[in-house]
Amino acid sequence: MTETRPAPAADPAGLRTRRAQAAADTEAALKDAAKQVFDRVGYLRAKITDITTEAGRAAGSFYSHFDSKEQLLEALLLDILAEGSRRSALPGHDPDFSHLDAIRWHVAAYWSFLTENRPVIVALQQAAMVSEHFARRQRELMAPLMAEMAGHLEHVTAAGGRLPADPPDVAEAMVALMSGYAYSWLTGGQPRLTADEAVDLLARFILAGVMGPAARPG
């Protein structure tokens, strides 16, 4: 009599876990590859096949995760915004923008955030220049950051500072100043200032701008 072995137990949960992990690994590989490609050839010249080749993945795998190169860039922006939010909880965070040290902490954190994510930041600038849709979407995604910065500016008026405009507009100008100057610093060849000097410049410039005659540079 032939012994009948029981069929192996089904493992749908384990299979789903392995598939989910494989999908997550592929998505992460595509994001990392995109940064490498953007850094090498720029966002506008980058092709999806360049990204999948860099990632060591099949060309069709891209569309299992992203509809377009623009959507991939949006996902990278969301990643770095999430990292920025985590950094805002680090020790030393002070929301009182009437003080130079508080502003400098934010500028230094933002500068580090920009330089560590240089390929993505440059790609965002390039994408916004050619796509009004993406520029608008980028503003939408950055709205929480702008709101947080505007809230910090309430300390300025409480300390006797005279904002040149309403807090949301001043916050937008501050972020544009930091982003624009950092973009120039990152892409302009050999910078005249060190990173620390650039951060000091921006912090003092912003303090004078938001506090006016009441500014105390320190």
N, C-alpha and C. Protein backbone atom coordinates (compact mmCIF):
# COMPACT_ATOMS: atom_id res chain seq x y z
N MET A 1 0.84 -1.19 0.00
CA MET A 1 0.00 0.00 0.00
C MET A 1 0.88 1.25 0.00
N THR A 2 0.59 2.11 -0.94
CA THR A 2 1.40 3.32 -1.06
C THR A 2 0.99 4.35 -0.03
N GLU A 3 2.01 4.85 0.67
CA GLU A 3 1.72 5.87 1.69
C GLU A 3 1.43 7.21 1.02
N THR A 4 0.36 7.81 1.44
CA THR A 4 -0.02 9.12 0.89
C THR A 4 0.46 10.21 1.83
N ARG A 5 1.29 11.07 1.30
CA ARG A 5 1.79 12.15 2.12
C ARG A 5 0.81 13.33 2.09
N PRO A 6 0.65 13.97 3.21
CA PRO A 6 -0.27 15.11 3.22
C PRO A 6 0.30 16.25 2.40
N ALA A 7 -0.59 16.97 1.75
CA ALA A 7 -0.16 18.13 0.96
C ALA A 7 0.41 19.19 1.88
N PRO A 8 1.43 19.88 1.44
CA PRO A 8 1.99 20.93 2.28
C PRO A 8 0.95 22.01 2.57
N ALA A 9 1.00 22.52 3.76
CA ALA A 9 0.02 23.53 4.16
C ALA A 9 0.22 24.80 3.34
N ALA A 10 -0.88 25.38 2.97
CA ALA A 10 -0.82 26.64 2.22
C ALA A 10 -0.25 27.74 3.12
N ASP A 11 0.46 28.65 2.50
CA ASP A 11 1.07 29.74 3.28
C ASP A 11 0.79 31.07 2.58
N PRO A 12 -0.49 31.42 2.44
CA PRO A 12 -0.81 32.66 1.71
C PRO A 12 -0.27 33.90 2.40
N ALA A 13 -0.28 33.91 3.73
CA ALA A 13 0.22 35.09 4.43
C ALA A 13 1.71 35.28 4.20
N GLY A 14 2.46 34.16 4.28
CA GLY A 14 3.89 34.24 4.05
C GLY A 14 4.22 34.64 2.63
N LEU A 15 3.43 34.13 1.66
CA LEU A 15 3.64 34.48 0.26
C LEU A 15 3.38 35.97 0.04
N ARG A 16 2.30 36.47 0.65
CA ARG A 16 1.99 37.90 0.52
C ARG A 16 3.11 38.74 1.12
N THR A 17 3.64 38.30 2.25
CA THR A 17 4.73 39.04 2.90
C THR A 17 5.95 39.10 2.01
N ARG A 18 6.29 37.95 1.39
CA ARG A 18 7.47 37.92 0.51
C ARG A 18 7.26 38.79 -0.72
N ARG A 19 6.06 38.75 -1.26
CA ARG A 19 5.76 39.58 -2.43
C ARG A 19 5.81 41.07 -2.07
N ALA A 20 5.27 41.41 -0.92
CA ALA A 20 5.28 42.80 -0.48
C ALA A 20 6.71 43.29 -0.26
N GLN A 21 7.55 42.41 0.31
CA GLN A 21 8.94 42.78 0.54
C GLN A 21 9.68 42.95 -0.79
N ALA A 22 9.40 42.06 -1.73
CA ALA A 22 10.05 42.17 -3.04
C ALA A 22 9.63 43.45 -3.74
N ALA A 23 8.35 43.80 -3.62
CA ALA A 23 7.86 45.04 -4.24
C ALA A 23 8.50 46.26 -3.58
N ALA A 24 8.62 46.22 -2.26
CA ALA A 24 9.24 47.33 -1.54
C ALA A 24 10.71 47.46 -1.93
N ASP A 25 11.39 46.32 -2.09
CA ASP A 25 12.80 46.34 -2.49
C ASP A 25 12.96 46.94 -3.88
N THR A 26 12.05 46.57 -4.78
CA THR A 26 12.13 47.11 -6.14
C THR A 26 11.87 48.60 -6.16
N GLU A 27 10.89 49.03 -5.39
CA GLU A 27 10.59 50.47 -5.33
C GLU A 27 11.78 51.25 -4.79
N ALA A 28 12.39 50.74 -3.73
CA ALA A 28 13.56 51.40 -3.15
C ALA A 28 14.71 51.43 -4.15
N ALA A 29 14.90 50.34 -4.88
CA ALA A 29 15.98 50.27 -5.87
C ALA A 29 15.74 51.29 -6.98
N LEU A 30 14.50 51.43 -7.41
CA LEU A 30 14.18 52.41 -8.46
C LEU A 30 14.42 53.84 -7.98
N LYS A 31 14.07 54.12 -6.73
CA LYS A 31 14.29 55.46 -6.19
C LYS A 31 15.78 55.76 -6.09
N ASP A 32 16.54 54.80 -5.57
CA ASP A 32 17.99 55.01 -5.46
C ASP A 32 18.62 55.18 -6.84
N ALA A 33 18.16 54.38 -7.78
CA ALA A 33 18.70 54.48 -9.15
C ALA A 33 18.36 55.83 -9.77
N ALA A 34 17.15 56.30 -9.52
CA ALA A 34 16.74 57.59 -10.07
C ALA A 34 17.66 58.71 -9.57
N LYS A 35 18.01 58.67 -8.31
CA LYS A 35 18.92 59.69 -7.77
C LYS A 35 20.26 59.65 -8.50
N GLN A 36 20.76 58.44 -8.74
CA GLN A 36 22.04 58.30 -9.43
C GLN A 36 21.95 58.83 -10.86
N VAL A 37 20.87 58.50 -11.54
CA VAL A 37 20.70 58.94 -12.93
C VAL A 37 20.48 60.45 -13.00
N PHE A 38 19.64 60.99 -12.10
CA PHE A 38 19.42 62.44 -12.10
C PHE A 38 20.72 63.19 -11.85
N ASP A 39 21.54 62.64 -10.96
CA ASP A 39 22.81 63.30 -10.64
C ASP A 39 23.77 63.25 -11.82
N ARG A 40 23.67 62.19 -12.61
CA ARG A 40 24.61 61.99 -13.71
C ARG A 40 24.20 62.76 -14.97
N VAL A 41 22.92 62.71 -15.32
CA VAL A 41 22.51 63.30 -16.60
C VAL A 41 21.46 64.40 -16.45
N GLY A 42 20.95 64.61 -15.22
CA GLY A 42 19.89 65.60 -15.03
C GLY A 42 18.52 64.98 -15.19
N TYR A 43 17.52 65.61 -14.57
CA TYR A 43 16.16 65.08 -14.61
C TYR A 43 15.60 65.08 -16.03
N LEU A 44 15.80 66.17 -16.75
CA LEU A 44 15.15 66.33 -18.06
C LEU A 44 15.67 65.32 -19.07
N ARG A 45 16.93 64.95 -18.97
CA ARG A 45 17.51 64.00 -19.93
C ARG A 45 17.38 62.55 -19.47
N ALA A 46 17.00 62.35 -18.24
CA ALA A 46 16.89 60.97 -17.72
C ALA A 46 15.73 60.23 -18.38
N LYS A 47 15.97 58.98 -18.73
CA LYS A 47 14.93 58.12 -19.29
C LYS A 47 14.56 57.04 -18.28
N ILE A 48 13.35 56.58 -18.40
CA ILE A 48 12.89 55.52 -17.50
C ILE A 48 13.76 54.27 -17.66
N THR A 49 14.15 53.98 -18.88
CA THR A 49 15.02 52.81 -19.09
C THR A 49 16.40 53.01 -18.45
N ASP A 50 16.86 54.26 -18.39
CA ASP A 50 18.11 54.53 -17.67
C ASP A 50 17.97 54.14 -16.20
N ILE A 51 16.82 54.48 -15.64
CA ILE A 51 16.58 54.22 -14.21
C ILE A 51 16.47 52.72 -13.94
N THR A 52 15.71 52.02 -14.77
CA THR A 52 15.55 50.57 -14.53
C THR A 52 16.87 49.83 -14.76
N THR A 53 17.64 50.28 -15.73
CA THR A 53 18.96 49.65 -15.96
C THR A 53 19.86 49.88 -14.76
N GLU A 54 19.89 51.11 -14.25
CA GLU A 54 20.70 51.43 -13.08
C GLU A 54 20.27 50.60 -11.89
N ALA A 55 18.96 50.35 -11.78
CA ALA A 55 18.43 49.59 -10.65
C ALA A 55 18.60 48.09 -10.83
N GLY A 56 18.96 47.66 -12.03
CA GLY A 56 19.07 46.22 -12.29
C GLY A 56 17.71 45.54 -12.32
N ARG A 57 16.72 46.25 -12.79
CA ARG A 57 15.36 45.72 -12.86
C ARG A 57 14.86 45.72 -14.30
N ALA A 58 13.87 44.90 -14.58
CA ALA A 58 13.26 44.85 -15.91
C ALA A 58 12.57 46.18 -16.19
N ALA A 59 12.58 46.59 -17.45
CA ALA A 59 12.01 47.88 -17.82
C ALA A 59 10.55 48.00 -17.39
N GLY A 60 9.80 46.91 -17.52
CA GLY A 60 8.38 46.96 -17.18
C GLY A 60 8.11 47.08 -15.69
N SER A 61 9.10 46.79 -14.86
CA SER A 61 8.88 46.85 -13.41
C SER A 61 8.58 48.27 -12.94
N PHE A 62 9.06 49.25 -13.69
CA PHE A 62 8.86 50.64 -13.30
C PHE A 62 7.37 50.95 -13.15
N TYR A 63 6.57 50.48 -14.10
CA TYR A 63 5.16 50.85 -14.14
C TYR A 63 4.31 50.08 -13.13
N SER A 64 4.93 49.16 -12.42
CA SER A 64 4.23 48.52 -11.30
C SER A 64 4.25 49.42 -10.07
N HIS A 65 5.07 50.47 -10.11
CA HIS A 65 5.23 51.34 -8.96
C HIS A 65 4.93 52.81 -9.26
N PHE A 66 5.22 53.24 -10.48
CA PHE A 66 5.04 54.65 -10.83
C PHE A 66 4.44 54.75 -12.23
N ASP A 67 3.59 55.76 -12.40
CA ASP A 67 2.98 55.98 -13.72
C ASP A 67 3.91 56.73 -14.66
N SER A 68 4.84 57.49 -14.08
CA SER A 68 5.70 58.34 -14.91
C SER A 68 6.95 58.73 -14.12
N LYS A 69 7.88 59.30 -14.83
CA LYS A 69 9.10 59.83 -14.18
C LYS A 69 8.71 60.95 -13.20
N GLU A 70 7.71 61.74 -13.55
CA GLU A 70 7.26 62.83 -12.68
C GLU A 70 6.70 62.28 -11.37
N GLN A 71 5.95 61.17 -11.45
CA GLN A 71 5.39 60.60 -10.23
C GLN A 71 6.50 60.02 -9.35
N LEU A 72 7.54 59.49 -9.96
CA LEU A 72 8.69 59.01 -9.18
C LEU A 72 9.36 60.17 -8.47
N LEU A 73 9.52 61.30 -9.15
CA LEU A 73 10.12 62.47 -8.51
C LEU A 73 9.25 62.96 -7.36
N GLU A 74 7.94 62.91 -7.53
CA GLU A 74 7.03 63.30 -6.44
C GLU A 74 7.22 62.39 -5.23
N ALA A 75 7.39 61.09 -5.47
CA ALA A 75 7.61 60.15 -4.37
C ALA A 75 8.91 60.46 -3.65
N LEU A 76 9.93 60.86 -4.39
CA LEU A 76 11.20 61.23 -3.76
C LEU A 76 11.04 62.49 -2.93
N LEU A 77 10.25 63.44 -3.41
CA LEU A 77 9.98 64.65 -2.63
C LEU A 77 9.26 64.31 -1.33
N LEU A 78 8.28 63.43 -1.40
CA LEU A 78 7.57 63.02 -0.19
C LEU A 78 8.51 62.36 0.81
N ASP A 79 9.43 61.58 0.32
CA ASP A 79 10.41 60.92 1.20
C ASP A 79 11.26 61.95 1.94
N ILE A 80 11.75 62.96 1.24
CA ILE A 80 12.64 63.91 1.89
C ILE A 80 11.86 64.88 2.78
N LEU A 81 10.59 65.14 2.44
CA LEU A 81 9.76 65.96 3.33
C LEU A 81 9.49 65.21 4.64
N ALA A 82 9.27 63.91 4.55
CA ALA A 82 9.06 63.10 5.75
C ALA A 82 10.32 63.10 6.61
N GLU A 83 11.47 63.01 5.97
CA GLU A 83 12.73 63.06 6.71
C GLU A 83 12.91 64.43 7.36
N GLY A 84 12.52 65.48 6.66
CA GLY A 84 12.59 66.81 7.25
C GLY A 84 11.71 66.95 8.48
N SER A 85 10.53 66.35 8.44
CA SER A 85 9.64 66.39 9.60
C SER A 85 10.24 65.66 10.78
N ARG A 86 10.90 64.54 10.51
CA ARG A 86 11.55 63.81 11.61
C ARG A 86 12.68 64.64 12.21
N ARG A 87 13.40 65.36 11.38
CA ARG A 87 14.51 66.16 11.88
C ARG A 87 14.02 67.33 12.74
N SER A 88 12.82 67.81 12.48
CA SER A 88 12.32 68.95 13.26
C SER A 88 12.07 68.56 14.71
N ALA A 89 12.03 67.26 14.99
CA ALA A 89 11.84 66.80 16.37
C ALA A 89 13.16 66.58 17.10
N LEU A 90 14.28 66.86 16.43
CA LEU A 90 15.58 66.66 17.06
C LEU A 90 15.86 67.73 18.11
N PRO A 91 16.74 67.45 19.07
CA PRO A 91 17.09 68.45 20.08
C PRO A 91 17.66 69.71 19.43
N GLY A 92 17.38 70.84 20.05
CA GLY A 92 17.88 72.12 19.54
C GLY A 92 16.85 72.89 18.73
N HIS A 93 15.74 72.26 18.41
CA HIS A 93 14.71 72.95 17.64
C HIS A 93 14.06 74.03 18.49
N ASP A 94 14.08 75.26 17.99
CA ASP A 94 13.48 76.40 18.68
C ASP A 94 12.66 77.17 17.66
N PRO A 95 11.35 77.32 17.88
CA PRO A 95 10.51 77.98 16.88
C PRO A 95 10.54 79.51 16.94
N ASP A 96 11.30 80.08 17.87
CA ASP A 96 11.28 81.53 18.07
C ASP A 96 12.21 82.21 17.07
N PHE A 97 11.64 82.66 15.97
CA PHE A 97 12.44 83.25 14.90
C PHE A 97 12.84 84.70 15.18
N SER A 98 12.63 85.16 16.39
CA SER A 98 13.16 86.48 16.75
C SER A 98 14.60 86.37 17.22
N HIS A 99 15.12 85.13 17.32
CA HIS A 99 16.49 84.90 17.79
C HIS A 99 17.33 84.29 16.67
N LEU A 100 18.54 84.76 16.53
CA LEU A 100 19.44 84.29 15.48
C LEU A 100 19.70 82.79 15.61
N ASP A 101 19.92 82.29 16.83
CA ASP A 101 20.23 80.88 17.00
C ASP A 101 19.11 79.98 16.49
N ALA A 102 17.87 80.40 16.73
CA ALA A 102 16.74 79.60 16.26
C ALA A 102 16.69 79.57 14.73
N ILE A 103 16.91 80.73 14.12
CA ILE A 103 16.90 80.78 12.65
C ILE A 103 18.05 79.96 12.10
N ARG A 104 19.22 80.11 12.72
CA ARG A 104 20.38 79.39 12.19
C ARG A 104 20.19 77.88 12.29
N TRP A 105 19.54 77.40 13.36
CA TRP A 105 19.28 75.97 13.48
C TRP A 105 18.45 75.49 12.30
N HIS A 106 17.42 76.25 11.97
CA HIS A 106 16.55 75.87 10.86
C HIS A 106 17.28 75.95 9.52
N VAL A 107 18.05 77.02 9.34
CA VAL A 107 18.79 77.15 8.08
C VAL A 107 19.79 76.01 7.94
N ALA A 108 20.51 75.69 9.03
CA ALA A 108 21.50 74.61 8.98
C ALA A 108 20.83 73.27 8.68
N ALA A 109 19.68 73.04 9.32
CA ALA A 109 18.97 71.78 9.08
C ALA A 109 18.49 71.71 7.64
N TYR A 110 17.97 72.83 7.14
CA TYR A 110 17.48 72.87 5.76
C TYR A 110 18.62 72.72 4.77
N TRP A 111 19.76 73.35 5.09
CA TRP A 111 20.93 73.25 4.21
C TRP A 111 21.42 71.80 4.14
N SER A 112 21.49 71.15 5.29
CA SER A 112 21.89 69.75 5.32
C SER A 112 20.91 68.89 4.52
N PHE A 113 19.64 69.17 4.70
CA PHE A 113 18.57 68.48 3.99
C PHE A 113 18.74 68.64 2.47
N LEU A 114 19.08 69.86 2.04
CA LEU A 114 19.23 70.12 0.61
C LEU A 114 20.48 69.45 0.05
N THR A 115 21.61 69.59 0.74
CA THR A 115 22.85 69.06 0.21
C THR A 115 22.88 67.54 0.20
N GLU A 116 22.26 66.92 1.22
CA GLU A 116 22.22 65.46 1.25
C GLU A 116 21.32 64.89 0.16
N ASN A 117 20.37 65.70 -0.29
CA ASN A 117 19.44 65.25 -1.33
C ASN A 117 19.64 66.05 -2.62
N ARG A 118 20.88 66.40 -2.88
CA ARG A 118 21.19 67.27 -4.02
C ARG A 118 20.58 66.82 -5.34
N PRO A 119 20.71 65.54 -5.75
CA PRO A 119 20.13 65.15 -7.04
C PRO A 119 18.63 65.38 -7.12
N VAL A 120 17.94 65.14 -6.00
CA VAL A 120 16.48 65.32 -5.99
C VAL A 120 16.13 66.81 -6.03
N ILE A 121 16.85 67.63 -5.25
CA ILE A 121 16.57 69.06 -5.21
C ILE A 121 16.77 69.68 -6.58
N VAL A 122 17.87 69.34 -7.23
CA VAL A 122 18.13 69.87 -8.57
C VAL A 122 17.07 69.39 -9.55
N ALA A 123 16.68 68.12 -9.44
CA ALA A 123 15.63 67.57 -10.31
C ALA A 123 14.30 68.29 -10.10
N LEU A 124 13.98 68.61 -8.85
CA LEU A 124 12.73 69.33 -8.57
C LEU A 124 12.74 70.70 -9.23
N GLN A 125 13.87 71.39 -9.16
CA GLN A 125 13.99 72.70 -9.80
C GLN A 125 13.79 72.56 -11.31
N GLN A 126 14.41 71.56 -11.91
CA GLN A 126 14.31 71.37 -13.35
C GLN A 126 12.89 71.01 -13.77
N ALA A 127 12.25 70.14 -13.00
CA ALA A 127 10.89 69.72 -13.34
C ALA A 127 9.91 70.88 -13.22
N ALA A 128 10.07 71.71 -12.18
CA ALA A 128 9.16 72.84 -11.98
C ALA A 128 9.29 73.88 -13.08
N MET A 129 10.48 73.99 -13.67
CA MET A 129 10.69 74.98 -14.73
C MET A 129 9.97 74.62 -16.02
N VAL A 130 9.75 73.33 -16.25
CA VAL A 130 9.14 72.91 -17.53
C VAL A 130 7.70 72.44 -17.37
N SER A 131 7.23 72.28 -16.12
CA SER A 131 5.88 71.76 -15.90
C SER A 131 5.17 72.57 -14.83
N GLU A 132 4.21 73.38 -15.25
CA GLU A 132 3.43 74.14 -14.28
C GLU A 132 2.63 73.21 -13.37
N HIS A 133 2.16 72.09 -13.93
CA HIS A 133 1.44 71.12 -13.12
C HIS A 133 2.32 70.61 -11.98
N PHE A 134 3.57 70.28 -12.30
CA PHE A 134 4.44 69.77 -11.26
C PHE A 134 4.81 70.87 -10.27
N ALA A 135 5.02 72.08 -10.76
CA ALA A 135 5.34 73.20 -9.87
C ALA A 135 4.19 73.41 -8.88
N ARG A 136 2.96 73.30 -9.37
CA ARG A 136 1.79 73.47 -8.49
C ARG A 136 1.70 72.32 -7.50
N ARG A 137 1.95 71.12 -7.96
CA ARG A 137 1.91 69.95 -7.06
C ARG A 137 3.00 70.05 -6.00
N GLN A 138 4.15 70.54 -6.39
CA GLN A 138 5.25 70.71 -5.44
C GLN A 138 4.85 71.70 -4.34
N ARG A 139 4.19 72.79 -4.73
CA ARG A 139 3.73 73.77 -3.73
C ARG A 139 2.72 73.14 -2.78
N GLU A 140 1.85 72.30 -3.31
CA GLU A 140 0.85 71.63 -2.47
C GLU A 140 1.52 70.73 -1.44
N LEU A 141 2.52 69.97 -1.88
CA LEU A 141 3.19 69.04 -0.98
C LEU A 141 4.00 69.77 0.09
N MET A 142 4.48 70.97 -0.25
CA MET A 142 5.29 71.72 0.70
C MET A 142 4.46 72.63 1.60
N ALA A 143 3.14 72.63 1.43
CA ALA A 143 2.26 73.51 2.21
C ALA A 143 2.42 73.30 3.72
N PRO A 144 2.50 72.06 4.24
CA PRO A 144 2.70 71.89 5.69
C PRO A 144 3.98 72.53 6.19
N LEU A 145 5.06 72.42 5.42
CA LEU A 145 6.32 73.06 5.80
C LEU A 145 6.15 74.57 5.85
N MET A 146 5.47 75.13 4.86
CA MET A 146 5.24 76.58 4.83
C MET A 146 4.41 77.02 6.03
N ALA A 147 3.40 76.21 6.38
CA ALA A 147 2.55 76.56 7.51
C ALA A 147 3.34 76.54 8.81
N GLU A 148 4.24 75.56 8.94
CA GLU A 148 5.08 75.49 10.15
C GLU A 148 5.98 76.71 10.25
N MET A 149 6.60 77.09 9.13
CA MET A 149 7.47 78.26 9.13
C MET A 149 6.69 79.53 9.45
N ALA A 150 5.49 79.64 8.90
CA ALA A 150 4.65 80.81 9.19
C ALA A 150 4.31 80.89 10.67
N GLY A 151 4.07 79.74 11.29
CA GLY A 151 3.79 79.71 12.72
C GLY A 151 4.98 80.19 13.54
N HIS A 152 6.18 79.85 13.10
CA HIS A 152 7.38 80.30 13.79
C HIS A 152 7.49 81.83 13.77
N LEU A 153 6.98 82.44 12.72
CA LEU A 153 7.10 83.88 12.56
C LEU A 153 6.19 84.66 13.53
N GLU A 154 5.24 83.96 14.14
CA GLU A 154 4.40 84.65 15.14
C GLU A 154 5.24 85.13 16.31
N HIS A 155 6.33 84.44 16.60
CA HIS A 155 7.22 84.87 17.68
C HIS A 155 7.89 86.19 17.34
N VAL A 156 8.06 86.46 16.06
CA VAL A 156 8.72 87.69 15.64
C VAL A 156 7.87 88.91 16.01
N THR A 157 6.60 88.87 15.66
CA THR A 157 5.73 90.00 15.97
C THR A 157 5.56 90.15 17.48
N ALA A 158 5.55 89.03 18.21
CA ALA A 158 5.42 89.10 19.67
C ALA A 158 6.65 89.75 20.30
N ALA A 159 7.80 89.64 19.63
CA ALA A 159 9.04 90.22 20.16
C ALA A 159 9.28 91.64 19.64
N GLY A 160 8.32 92.21 18.94
CA GLY A 160 8.47 93.57 18.45
C GLY A 160 9.01 93.69 17.05
N GLY A 161 9.19 92.56 16.37
CA GLY A 161 9.66 92.62 14.99
C GLY A 161 8.55 93.09 14.06
N ARG A 162 8.95 93.55 12.89
CA ARG A 162 7.99 94.07 11.91
C ARG A 162 8.14 93.29 10.62
N LEU A 163 7.30 92.29 10.45
CA LEU A 163 7.35 91.48 9.23
C LEU A 163 7.03 92.34 8.02
N PRO A 164 7.70 92.12 6.90
CA PRO A 164 7.42 92.91 5.70
C PRO A 164 6.13 92.52 4.99
N ALA A 165 5.53 91.42 5.40
CA ALA A 165 4.27 90.95 4.81
C ALA A 165 3.64 89.96 5.79
N ASP A 166 2.51 89.38 5.40
CA ASP A 166 1.87 88.40 6.26
C ASP A 166 2.76 87.17 6.42
N PRO A 167 2.67 86.47 7.58
CA PRO A 167 3.55 85.33 7.83
C PRO A 167 3.61 84.30 6.71
N PRO A 168 2.48 83.88 6.09
CA PRO A 168 2.60 82.87 5.02
C PRO A 168 3.45 83.35 3.85
N ASP A 169 3.32 84.64 3.50
CA ASP A 169 4.10 85.17 2.38
C ASP A 169 5.59 85.28 2.74
N VAL A 170 5.86 85.70 3.98
CA VAL A 170 7.25 85.79 4.42
C VAL A 170 7.88 84.40 4.48
N ALA A 171 7.12 83.41 4.97
CA ALA A 171 7.64 82.04 5.03
C ALA A 171 7.97 81.52 3.64
N GLU A 172 7.10 81.80 2.67
CA GLU A 172 7.36 81.35 1.30
C GLU A 172 8.61 82.02 0.74
N ALA A 173 8.79 83.32 1.04
CA ALA A 173 9.98 84.03 0.56
C ALA A 173 11.24 83.46 1.21
N MET A 174 11.16 83.12 2.50
CA MET A 174 12.31 82.56 3.19
C MET A 174 12.73 81.23 2.58
N VAL A 175 11.77 80.35 2.34
CA VAL A 175 12.09 79.05 1.77
C VAL A 175 12.64 79.20 0.35
N ALA A 176 12.05 80.13 -0.42
CA ALA A 176 12.55 80.38 -1.78
C ALA A 176 13.98 80.91 -1.74
N LEU A 177 14.26 81.79 -0.77
CA LEU A 177 15.62 82.31 -0.62
C LEU A 177 16.60 81.20 -0.31
N MET A 178 16.27 80.37 0.67
CA MET A 178 17.17 79.28 1.04
C MET A 178 17.35 78.29 -0.11
N SER A 179 16.25 77.94 -0.76
CA SER A 179 16.33 76.96 -1.85
C SER A 179 17.12 77.52 -3.03
N GLY A 180 16.81 78.77 -3.39
CA GLY A 180 17.48 79.37 -4.53
C GLY A 180 18.97 79.54 -4.30
N TYR A 181 19.34 80.01 -3.10
CA TYR A 181 20.76 80.21 -2.81
C TYR A 181 21.48 78.87 -2.73
N ALA A 182 20.84 77.89 -2.11
CA ALA A 182 21.46 76.55 -2.03
C ALA A 182 21.62 75.95 -3.42
N TYR A 183 20.62 76.13 -4.28
CA TYR A 183 20.70 75.61 -5.66
C TYR A 183 21.89 76.24 -6.38
N SER A 184 22.05 77.56 -6.23
CA SER A 184 23.17 78.25 -6.85
C SER A 184 24.50 77.75 -6.28
N TRP A 185 24.53 77.55 -4.96
CA TRP A 185 25.75 77.10 -4.29
C TRP A 185 26.12 75.69 -4.73
N LEU A 186 25.11 74.85 -4.90
CA LEU A 186 25.36 73.45 -5.24
C LEU A 186 25.76 73.26 -6.70
N THR A 187 25.28 74.14 -7.58
CA THR A 187 25.46 73.92 -9.02
C THR A 187 26.39 74.94 -9.68
N GLY A 188 26.90 75.88 -8.91
CA GLY A 188 27.67 76.96 -9.51
C GLY A 188 29.17 76.75 -9.54
N GLY A 189 29.64 75.53 -9.45
CA GLY A 189 31.07 75.29 -9.45
C GLY A 189 31.66 75.49 -8.07
N GLN A 190 32.85 76.03 -8.01
CA GLN A 190 33.53 76.24 -6.73
C GLN A 190 32.91 77.42 -6.00
N PRO A 191 32.21 77.18 -4.87
CA PRO A 191 31.57 78.29 -4.15
C PRO A 191 32.60 79.17 -3.44
N ARG A 192 32.28 80.45 -3.31
CA ARG A 192 33.18 81.38 -2.60
C ARG A 192 33.10 81.20 -1.10
N LEU A 193 31.94 80.74 -0.60
CA LEU A 193 31.75 80.56 0.83
C LEU A 193 31.72 79.07 1.17
N THR A 194 32.16 78.73 2.36
CA THR A 194 31.99 77.37 2.86
C THR A 194 30.52 77.17 3.21
N ALA A 195 30.14 75.93 3.49
CA ALA A 195 28.75 75.65 3.87
C ALA A 195 28.38 76.40 5.14
N ASP A 196 29.26 76.40 6.14
CA ASP A 196 28.98 77.10 7.39
C ASP A 196 28.83 78.60 7.16
N GLU A 197 29.68 79.15 6.32
CA GLU A 197 29.58 80.58 6.01
C GLU A 197 28.29 80.90 5.28
N ALA A 198 27.88 80.03 4.38
CA ALA A 198 26.63 80.23 3.66
C ALA A 198 25.43 80.18 4.61
N VAL A 199 25.47 79.24 5.55
CA VAL A 199 24.38 79.15 6.54
C VAL A 199 24.34 80.41 7.40
N ASP A 200 25.49 80.89 7.84
CA ASP A 200 25.54 82.12 8.64
C ASP A 200 24.98 83.30 7.85
N LEU A 201 25.36 83.41 6.59
CA LEU A 201 24.86 84.49 5.75
C LEU A 201 23.34 84.47 5.67
N LEU A 202 22.78 83.29 5.37
CA LEU A 202 21.33 83.18 5.25
C LEU A 202 20.63 83.49 6.56
N ALA A 203 21.16 82.97 7.67
CA ALA A 203 20.52 83.18 8.98
C ALA A 203 20.48 84.66 9.33
N ARG A 204 21.58 85.36 9.14
CA ARG A 204 21.62 86.79 9.47
C ARG A 204 20.76 87.60 8.51
N PHE A 205 20.76 87.22 7.26
CA PHE A 205 19.94 87.90 6.26
C PHE A 205 18.45 87.76 6.62
N ILE A 206 18.05 86.55 6.98
CA ILE A 206 16.65 86.32 7.33
C ILE A 206 16.27 87.06 8.61
N LEU A 207 17.16 87.03 9.61
CA LEU A 207 16.87 87.74 10.86
C LEU A 207 16.64 89.22 10.60
N ALA A 208 17.51 89.83 9.82
CA ALA A 208 17.35 91.25 9.51
C ALA A 208 16.06 91.50 8.74
N GLY A 209 15.71 90.57 7.86
CA GLY A 209 14.50 90.74 7.06
C GLY A 209 13.21 90.63 7.85
N VAL A 210 13.18 89.70 8.82
CA VAL A 210 11.93 89.49 9.56
C VAL A 210 11.81 90.39 10.79
N MET A 211 12.93 90.78 11.37
CA MET A 211 12.89 91.60 12.58
C MET A 211 13.02 93.09 12.30
N GLY A 212 13.64 93.44 11.17
CA GLY A 212 13.81 94.85 10.86
C GLY A 212 14.70 95.54 11.86
N PRO A 213 14.38 96.79 12.21
CA PRO A 213 15.25 97.53 13.15
C PRO A 213 15.41 96.86 14.51
N ALA A 214 14.50 95.96 14.88
CA ALA A 214 14.58 95.29 16.18
C ALA A 214 15.53 94.10 16.17
N ALA A 215 16.15 93.82 15.02
CA ALA A 215 17.02 92.65 14.92
C ALA A 215 18.22 92.76 15.86
N ARG A 216 18.53 91.63 16.51
CA ARG A 216 19.71 91.56 17.37
C ARG A 216 20.59 90.43 16.82
N PRO A 217 21.54 90.74 15.93
CA PRO A 217 22.31 89.69 15.26
C PRO A 217 23.02 88.74 16.21
N GLY A 218 23.51 89.21 17.35
CA GLY A 218 24.16 88.32 18.30
C GLY A 218 25.59 88.02 17.91
